[in-house]
Amino acid sequence: MDWTGSWNSFYSTKPINVVFSEWRKKMIAINYKSYYNPWMGDEWLFSYKNNEMLEYHYENGYNIDMQGEGCVTIEAKKVSLNAVATLIEFERETNFEPYNINLHLKDLYYYVLVLPEELENSEFSRKLHELFISVLKV
């Protein structure tokens, strides 16, 4: 089977156990179940609505069902970040040009939110993306 789903990466200072706990609560609110799975040094939290959705996911990968919903996964691990980032977009007007910044950060958490479809193609994926960002906010 080919890779499926829309992969969205995040770095945060919010620990995995807190993020997973808050995400589970958000999933329960929309009638989803979640199960935890540690695998190869990463931690995974997989969310699905019912057994039919789960079985279809196992056969076909991430997808949007007839009700416009689908399975969602959060992959997580603790990392250090040593990189150069270029700031090119700002939420408000600034009086300086974009520039490179050096990042040397220890004890961060790297999250990959795997959604059933690209954000541009799915209202459901957009809503879950926003929901995940709300969980990460400190």
N, C-alpha and C. Protein backbone atom coordinates (compact mmCIF):
# COMPACT_ATOMS: atom_id res chain seq x y z
N MET A 1 0.84 -1.18 0.00
CA MET A 1 0.00 0.00 0.00
C MET A 1 0.88 1.25 0.00
N ASP A 2 0.48 2.26 -0.75
CA ASP A 2 1.19 3.53 -0.78
C ASP A 2 0.96 4.30 0.51
N TRP A 3 1.85 5.28 0.78
CA TRP A 3 1.65 6.16 1.92
C TRP A 3 0.38 6.94 1.71
N THR A 4 -0.38 7.08 2.76
CA THR A 4 -1.61 7.84 2.68
C THR A 4 -1.64 8.86 3.81
N GLY A 5 -2.55 9.79 3.76
CA GLY A 5 -2.71 10.78 4.81
C GLY A 5 -1.92 12.04 4.53
N SER A 6 -2.24 13.04 5.31
CA SER A 6 -1.57 14.33 5.23
C SER A 6 -0.74 14.50 6.49
N TRP A 7 0.58 14.66 6.34
CA TRP A 7 1.51 14.73 7.47
C TRP A 7 1.80 16.18 7.80
N ASN A 8 1.61 16.53 9.07
CA ASN A 8 1.79 17.90 9.55
C ASN A 8 2.71 17.89 10.75
N SER A 9 3.86 18.55 10.64
CA SER A 9 4.89 18.50 11.69
C SER A 9 4.84 19.71 12.61
N PHE A 10 5.13 19.47 13.89
CA PHE A 10 5.13 20.51 14.91
C PHE A 10 6.26 20.26 15.90
N TYR A 11 6.83 21.34 16.44
CA TYR A 11 7.72 21.26 17.60
C TYR A 11 7.02 22.00 18.73
N SER A 12 7.15 21.47 19.96
CA SER A 12 6.49 22.09 21.10
C SER A 12 7.27 21.80 22.37
N THR A 13 7.05 22.63 23.37
CA THR A 13 7.62 22.37 24.69
C THR A 13 6.63 21.59 25.56
N LYS A 14 5.44 21.35 25.04
CA LYS A 14 4.42 20.64 25.82
C LYS A 14 4.71 19.14 25.76
N PRO A 15 4.87 18.49 26.94
CA PRO A 15 5.23 17.06 26.99
C PRO A 15 4.18 16.14 26.36
N ILE A 16 4.65 15.02 25.89
CA ILE A 16 3.81 14.06 25.19
C ILE A 16 2.63 13.60 26.04
N ASN A 17 2.86 13.27 27.31
CA ASN A 17 1.76 12.76 28.13
C ASN A 17 0.65 13.81 28.28
N VAL A 18 1.02 15.08 28.36
CA VAL A 18 0.02 16.15 28.47
C VAL A 18 -0.74 16.30 27.15
N VAL A 19 -0.01 16.32 26.03
CA VAL A 19 -0.64 16.45 24.72
C VAL A 19 -1.59 15.28 24.46
N PHE A 20 -1.12 14.06 24.73
CA PHE A 20 -1.97 12.89 24.48
C PHE A 20 -3.20 12.91 25.37
N SER A 21 -3.06 13.32 26.62
CA SER A 21 -4.20 13.38 27.54
C SER A 21 -5.23 14.40 27.05
N GLU A 22 -4.77 15.58 26.67
CA GLU A 22 -5.68 16.62 26.18
C GLU A 22 -6.33 16.20 24.86
N TRP A 23 -5.54 15.56 23.98
CA TRP A 23 -6.09 15.12 22.69
C TRP A 23 -7.17 14.06 22.89
N ARG A 24 -6.94 13.13 23.80
CA ARG A 24 -7.95 12.10 24.08
C ARG A 24 -9.28 12.74 24.49
N LYS A 25 -9.21 13.76 25.33
CA LYS A 25 -10.43 14.45 25.77
C LYS A 25 -11.14 15.09 24.58
N LYS A 26 -10.36 15.70 23.68
CA LYS A 26 -10.96 16.33 22.49
C LYS A 26 -11.60 15.27 21.59
N MET A 27 -10.97 14.13 21.47
CA MET A 27 -11.51 13.06 20.63
C MET A 27 -12.79 12.46 21.24
N ILE A 28 -12.81 12.29 22.54
CA ILE A 28 -14.02 11.79 23.20
C ILE A 28 -15.19 12.74 22.93
N ALA A 29 -14.91 14.04 22.91
CA ALA A 29 -15.96 15.04 22.67
C ALA A 29 -16.60 14.91 21.29
N ILE A 30 -15.87 14.33 20.32
CA ILE A 30 -16.43 14.13 18.98
C ILE A 30 -16.71 12.64 18.73
N ASN A 31 -16.83 11.88 19.81
CA ASN A 31 -17.19 10.45 19.75
C ASN A 31 -16.14 9.57 19.07
N TYR A 32 -14.87 9.92 19.27
CA TYR A 32 -13.78 9.09 18.77
C TYR A 32 -13.14 8.33 19.92
N LYS A 33 -12.59 7.18 19.60
CA LYS A 33 -11.81 6.38 20.55
C LYS A 33 -10.34 6.56 20.19
N SER A 34 -9.46 6.35 21.16
CA SER A 34 -8.02 6.47 20.89
C SER A 34 -7.29 5.33 21.58
N TYR A 35 -6.23 4.86 20.94
CA TYR A 35 -5.35 3.91 21.63
C TYR A 35 -3.90 4.31 21.45
N TYR A 36 -3.14 4.04 22.49
CA TYR A 36 -1.73 4.39 22.58
C TYR A 36 -0.88 3.22 22.11
N ASN A 37 0.21 3.52 21.38
CA ASN A 37 1.08 2.47 20.89
C ASN A 37 2.52 2.99 20.82
N PRO A 38 3.40 2.55 21.73
CA PRO A 38 4.82 2.90 21.56
C PRO A 38 5.42 2.00 20.48
N TRP A 39 6.23 2.59 19.58
CA TRP A 39 6.78 1.79 18.49
C TRP A 39 8.09 2.41 18.03
N MET A 40 9.16 1.64 18.10
CA MET A 40 10.48 2.00 17.60
C MET A 40 10.96 3.37 18.12
N GLY A 41 10.79 3.63 19.41
CA GLY A 41 11.27 4.87 20.00
C GLY A 41 10.31 6.04 19.90
N ASP A 42 9.25 5.89 19.15
CA ASP A 42 8.23 6.94 19.04
C ASP A 42 7.02 6.52 19.87
N GLU A 43 6.17 7.49 20.15
CA GLU A 43 4.90 7.19 20.80
C GLU A 43 3.79 7.59 19.83
N TRP A 44 2.78 6.76 19.73
CA TRP A 44 1.70 6.98 18.78
C TRP A 44 0.37 7.00 19.52
N LEU A 45 -0.51 7.89 19.11
CA LEU A 45 -1.88 7.89 19.59
C LEU A 45 -2.77 7.89 18.36
N PHE A 46 -3.48 6.79 18.18
CA PHE A 46 -4.31 6.59 17.00
C PHE A 46 -5.77 6.78 17.39
N SER A 47 -6.51 7.57 16.61
CA SER A 47 -7.91 7.87 16.93
C SER A 47 -8.81 7.49 15.77
N TYR A 48 -9.96 6.91 16.11
CA TYR A 48 -10.93 6.45 15.13
C TYR A 48 -12.33 6.49 15.74
N LYS A 49 -13.34 6.53 14.90
CA LYS A 49 -14.71 6.69 15.38
C LYS A 49 -15.35 5.37 15.77
N ASN A 50 -15.19 4.36 14.95
CA ASN A 50 -15.84 3.07 15.22
C ASN A 50 -15.05 1.95 14.54
N ASN A 51 -15.44 0.73 14.80
CA ASN A 51 -14.71 -0.43 14.25
C ASN A 51 -14.75 -0.49 12.74
N GLU A 52 -15.84 -0.04 12.13
CA GLU A 52 -15.92 -0.03 10.67
C GLU A 52 -14.87 0.91 10.08
N MET A 53 -14.73 2.09 10.69
CA MET A 53 -13.73 3.04 10.22
C MET A 53 -12.33 2.46 10.40
N LEU A 54 -12.10 1.81 11.52
CA LEU A 54 -10.80 1.21 11.82
C LEU A 54 -10.46 0.13 10.79
N GLU A 55 -11.39 -0.77 10.54
CA GLU A 55 -11.16 -1.85 9.56
C GLU A 55 -10.90 -1.29 8.17
N TYR A 56 -11.67 -0.30 7.77
CA TYR A 56 -11.47 0.32 6.46
C TYR A 56 -10.09 0.97 6.38
N HIS A 57 -9.67 1.59 7.48
CA HIS A 57 -8.33 2.20 7.54
C HIS A 57 -7.25 1.14 7.35
N TYR A 58 -7.40 0.00 8.02
CA TYR A 58 -6.40 -1.07 7.90
C TYR A 58 -6.29 -1.57 6.46
N GLU A 59 -7.39 -1.57 5.74
CA GLU A 59 -7.39 -2.06 4.36
C GLU A 59 -6.96 -1.00 3.35
N ASN A 60 -7.28 0.29 3.62
CA ASN A 60 -7.11 1.33 2.60
C ASN A 60 -6.25 2.52 3.02
N GLY A 61 -5.83 2.58 4.27
CA GLY A 61 -5.05 3.71 4.73
C GLY A 61 -5.92 4.88 5.13
N TYR A 62 -5.28 6.03 5.32
CA TYR A 62 -6.01 7.23 5.73
C TYR A 62 -6.91 7.67 4.59
N ASN A 63 -8.13 8.06 4.93
CA ASN A 63 -9.11 8.46 3.94
C ASN A 63 -10.26 9.16 4.63
N ILE A 64 -11.10 9.79 3.84
CA ILE A 64 -12.34 10.41 4.32
C ILE A 64 -13.48 9.46 3.96
N ASP A 65 -14.31 9.15 4.96
CA ASP A 65 -15.43 8.24 4.69
C ASP A 65 -16.64 9.01 4.17
N MET A 66 -17.74 8.32 4.01
CA MET A 66 -18.96 8.92 3.46
C MET A 66 -19.50 10.05 4.34
N GLN A 67 -19.19 10.02 5.63
CA GLN A 67 -19.63 11.07 6.54
C GLN A 67 -18.63 12.22 6.62
N GLY A 68 -17.57 12.17 5.81
CA GLY A 68 -16.60 13.25 5.78
C GLY A 68 -15.58 13.21 6.89
N GLU A 69 -15.39 12.04 7.53
CA GLU A 69 -14.45 11.89 8.64
C GLU A 69 -13.46 10.77 8.33
N GLY A 70 -12.44 10.61 9.19
CA GLY A 70 -11.47 9.56 9.01
C GLY A 70 -10.58 9.41 10.22
N CYS A 71 -9.71 8.41 10.18
CA CYS A 71 -8.78 8.13 11.28
C CYS A 71 -7.69 9.20 11.35
N VAL A 72 -7.14 9.38 12.56
CA VAL A 72 -6.13 10.40 12.81
C VAL A 72 -5.06 9.80 13.73
N THR A 73 -3.80 10.16 13.49
CA THR A 73 -2.71 9.68 14.35
C THR A 73 -1.84 10.86 14.76
N ILE A 74 -1.34 10.78 16.00
CA ILE A 74 -0.28 11.68 16.44
C ILE A 74 0.93 10.82 16.72
N GLU A 75 2.03 11.08 16.05
CA GLU A 75 3.31 10.45 16.34
C GLU A 75 4.12 11.46 17.13
N ALA A 76 4.84 10.99 18.17
CA ALA A 76 5.55 11.94 19.03
C ALA A 76 6.86 11.34 19.53
N LYS A 77 7.84 12.24 19.76
CA LYS A 77 9.08 11.83 20.41
C LYS A 77 9.78 13.06 20.98
N LYS A 78 10.59 12.83 22.00
CA LYS A 78 11.38 13.89 22.61
C LYS A 78 12.64 14.07 21.77
N VAL A 79 12.99 15.34 21.48
CA VAL A 79 14.13 15.63 20.60
C VAL A 79 14.88 16.86 21.08
N SER A 80 16.04 17.07 20.49
CA SER A 80 16.76 18.34 20.57
C SER A 80 16.72 18.94 19.18
N LEU A 81 16.76 20.24 19.10
CA LEU A 81 16.70 20.90 17.81
C LEU A 81 17.91 21.81 17.67
N ASN A 82 18.75 21.52 16.69
CA ASN A 82 19.91 22.34 16.36
C ASN A 82 19.80 22.64 14.87
N ALA A 83 19.31 23.84 14.55
CA ALA A 83 19.02 24.14 13.16
C ALA A 83 19.05 25.65 12.91
N VAL A 84 18.98 25.99 11.63
CA VAL A 84 18.84 27.38 11.22
C VAL A 84 17.47 27.48 10.56
N ALA A 85 16.69 28.46 10.98
CA ALA A 85 15.37 28.68 10.41
C ALA A 85 15.35 30.05 9.74
N THR A 86 14.66 30.15 8.63
CA THR A 86 14.48 31.42 7.95
C THR A 86 13.05 31.89 8.20
N LEU A 87 12.93 33.05 8.81
CA LEU A 87 11.61 33.63 9.06
C LEU A 87 11.19 34.41 7.83
N ILE A 88 10.09 33.99 7.22
CA ILE A 88 9.67 34.65 5.99
C ILE A 88 8.24 35.17 6.03
N GLU A 89 7.47 34.83 7.05
CA GLU A 89 6.08 35.27 7.10
C GLU A 89 5.75 35.71 8.51
N PHE A 90 5.05 36.81 8.63
CA PHE A 90 4.69 37.34 9.94
C PHE A 90 3.18 37.56 10.00
N GLU A 91 2.63 37.46 11.18
CA GLU A 91 1.19 37.69 11.35
C GLU A 91 0.84 39.17 11.34
N ARG A 92 1.82 40.03 11.60
CA ARG A 92 1.54 41.47 11.60
C ARG A 92 2.70 42.19 10.92
N GLU A 93 2.49 43.45 10.63
CA GLU A 93 3.51 44.26 9.97
C GLU A 93 4.76 44.38 10.84
N THR A 94 5.93 44.39 10.20
CA THR A 94 7.18 44.59 10.91
C THR A 94 8.01 45.62 10.17
N ASN A 95 9.02 46.15 10.85
CA ASN A 95 9.87 47.13 10.20
C ASN A 95 11.24 46.56 9.86
N PHE A 96 11.34 45.23 9.72
CA PHE A 96 12.61 44.62 9.33
C PHE A 96 12.36 43.48 8.35
N GLU A 97 13.40 43.14 7.61
CA GLU A 97 13.32 42.09 6.61
C GLU A 97 13.45 40.71 7.27
N PRO A 98 12.91 39.68 6.66
CA PRO A 98 13.10 38.32 7.19
C PRO A 98 14.59 37.98 7.29
N TYR A 99 14.92 37.14 8.23
CA TYR A 99 16.31 36.79 8.46
C TYR A 99 16.40 35.36 9.01
N ASN A 100 17.62 34.83 9.03
CA ASN A 100 17.87 33.50 9.58
C ASN A 100 18.07 33.60 11.09
N ILE A 101 17.60 32.60 11.81
CA ILE A 101 17.87 32.51 13.23
C ILE A 101 18.44 31.13 13.52
N ASN A 102 19.36 31.06 14.44
CA ASN A 102 19.94 29.79 14.87
C ASN A 102 19.14 29.27 16.06
N LEU A 103 18.75 28.01 15.98
CA LEU A 103 17.99 27.39 17.05
C LEU A 103 18.81 26.28 17.67
N HIS A 104 19.03 26.35 18.95
CA HIS A 104 19.73 25.31 19.69
C HIS A 104 18.91 25.06 20.95
N LEU A 105 18.00 24.11 20.84
CA LEU A 105 17.03 23.86 21.89
C LEU A 105 17.09 22.40 22.33
N LYS A 106 17.02 22.20 23.63
CA LYS A 106 17.07 20.86 24.20
C LYS A 106 15.70 20.55 24.80
N ASP A 107 15.36 19.29 24.82
CA ASP A 107 14.13 18.81 25.47
C ASP A 107 12.87 19.41 24.85
N LEU A 108 12.78 19.30 23.55
CA LEU A 108 11.57 19.64 22.82
C LEU A 108 10.83 18.36 22.49
N TYR A 109 9.63 18.53 22.00
CA TYR A 109 8.83 17.38 21.57
C TYR A 109 8.44 17.61 20.12
N TYR A 110 8.65 16.57 19.31
CA TYR A 110 8.33 16.62 17.90
C TYR A 110 7.06 15.82 17.68
N TYR A 111 6.09 16.44 17.05
CA TYR A 111 4.81 15.80 16.78
C TYR A 111 4.53 15.78 15.30
N VAL A 112 3.98 14.67 14.83
CA VAL A 112 3.47 14.58 13.47
C VAL A 112 2.00 14.23 13.59
N LEU A 113 1.17 15.12 13.11
CA LEU A 113 -0.27 14.89 13.07
C LEU A 113 -0.60 14.34 11.69
N VAL A 114 -1.07 13.11 11.63
CA VAL A 114 -1.42 12.49 10.35
C VAL A 114 -2.94 12.54 10.22
N LEU A 115 -3.37 13.32 9.24
CA LEU A 115 -4.79 13.53 8.99
C LEU A 115 -5.23 12.73 7.77
N PRO A 116 -6.53 12.49 7.62
CA PRO A 116 -6.98 11.66 6.50
C PRO A 116 -6.81 12.30 5.13
N GLU A 117 -6.84 13.63 5.05
CA GLU A 117 -6.72 14.32 3.77
C GLU A 117 -5.93 15.62 3.95
N GLU A 118 -5.48 16.20 2.85
CA GLU A 118 -4.80 17.49 2.87
C GLU A 118 -5.76 18.56 3.42
N LEU A 119 -5.20 19.55 4.11
CA LEU A 119 -6.02 20.60 4.71
C LEU A 119 -6.87 21.33 3.67
N GLU A 120 -6.32 21.54 2.48
CA GLU A 120 -7.03 22.26 1.43
C GLU A 120 -8.23 21.49 0.90
N ASN A 121 -8.26 20.17 1.11
CA ASN A 121 -9.29 19.33 0.52
C ASN A 121 -10.33 18.84 1.52
N SER A 122 -10.18 19.15 2.79
CA SER A 122 -11.07 18.54 3.78
C SER A 122 -11.35 19.47 4.95
N GLU A 123 -12.60 19.80 5.14
CA GLU A 123 -13.02 20.59 6.29
C GLU A 123 -12.72 19.83 7.59
N PHE A 124 -12.91 18.52 7.57
CA PHE A 124 -12.63 17.69 8.76
C PHE A 124 -11.16 17.78 9.14
N SER A 125 -10.26 17.64 8.17
CA SER A 125 -8.83 17.74 8.44
C SER A 125 -8.46 19.12 8.96
N ARG A 126 -9.04 20.17 8.38
CA ARG A 126 -8.77 21.53 8.85
C ARG A 126 -9.19 21.71 10.30
N LYS A 127 -10.36 21.19 10.65
CA LYS A 127 -10.85 21.32 12.03
C LYS A 127 -9.94 20.58 13.01
N LEU A 128 -9.49 19.37 12.63
CA LEU A 128 -8.62 18.62 13.53
C LEU A 128 -7.24 19.27 13.63
N HIS A 129 -6.76 19.86 12.57
CA HIS A 129 -5.50 20.58 12.59
C HIS A 129 -5.59 21.74 13.58
N GLU A 130 -6.66 22.52 13.51
CA GLU A 130 -6.88 23.63 14.45
C GLU A 130 -7.01 23.12 15.88
N LEU A 131 -7.70 22.00 16.04
CA LEU A 131 -7.87 21.40 17.37
C LEU A 131 -6.52 21.00 17.95
N PHE A 132 -5.65 20.43 17.12
CA PHE A 132 -4.33 20.02 17.59
C PHE A 132 -3.49 21.24 17.97
N ILE A 133 -3.56 22.29 17.19
CA ILE A 133 -2.84 23.53 17.53
C ILE A 133 -3.33 24.06 18.87
N SER A 134 -4.62 23.98 19.13
CA SER A 134 -5.14 24.45 20.42
C SER A 134 -4.61 23.60 21.58
N VAL A 135 -4.38 22.32 21.34
CA VAL A 135 -3.80 21.44 22.37
C VAL A 135 -2.35 21.82 22.64
N LEU A 136 -1.61 22.19 21.60
CA LEU A 136 -0.19 22.51 21.76
C LEU A 136 0.07 23.87 22.40
N LYS A 137 -0.90 24.77 22.31
CA LYS A 137 -0.67 26.11 22.86
C LYS A 137 -0.36 26.03 24.34
N VAL A 138 0.67 26.79 24.72
CA VAL A 138 1.14 26.78 26.11
C VAL A 138 0.38 27.80 26.93
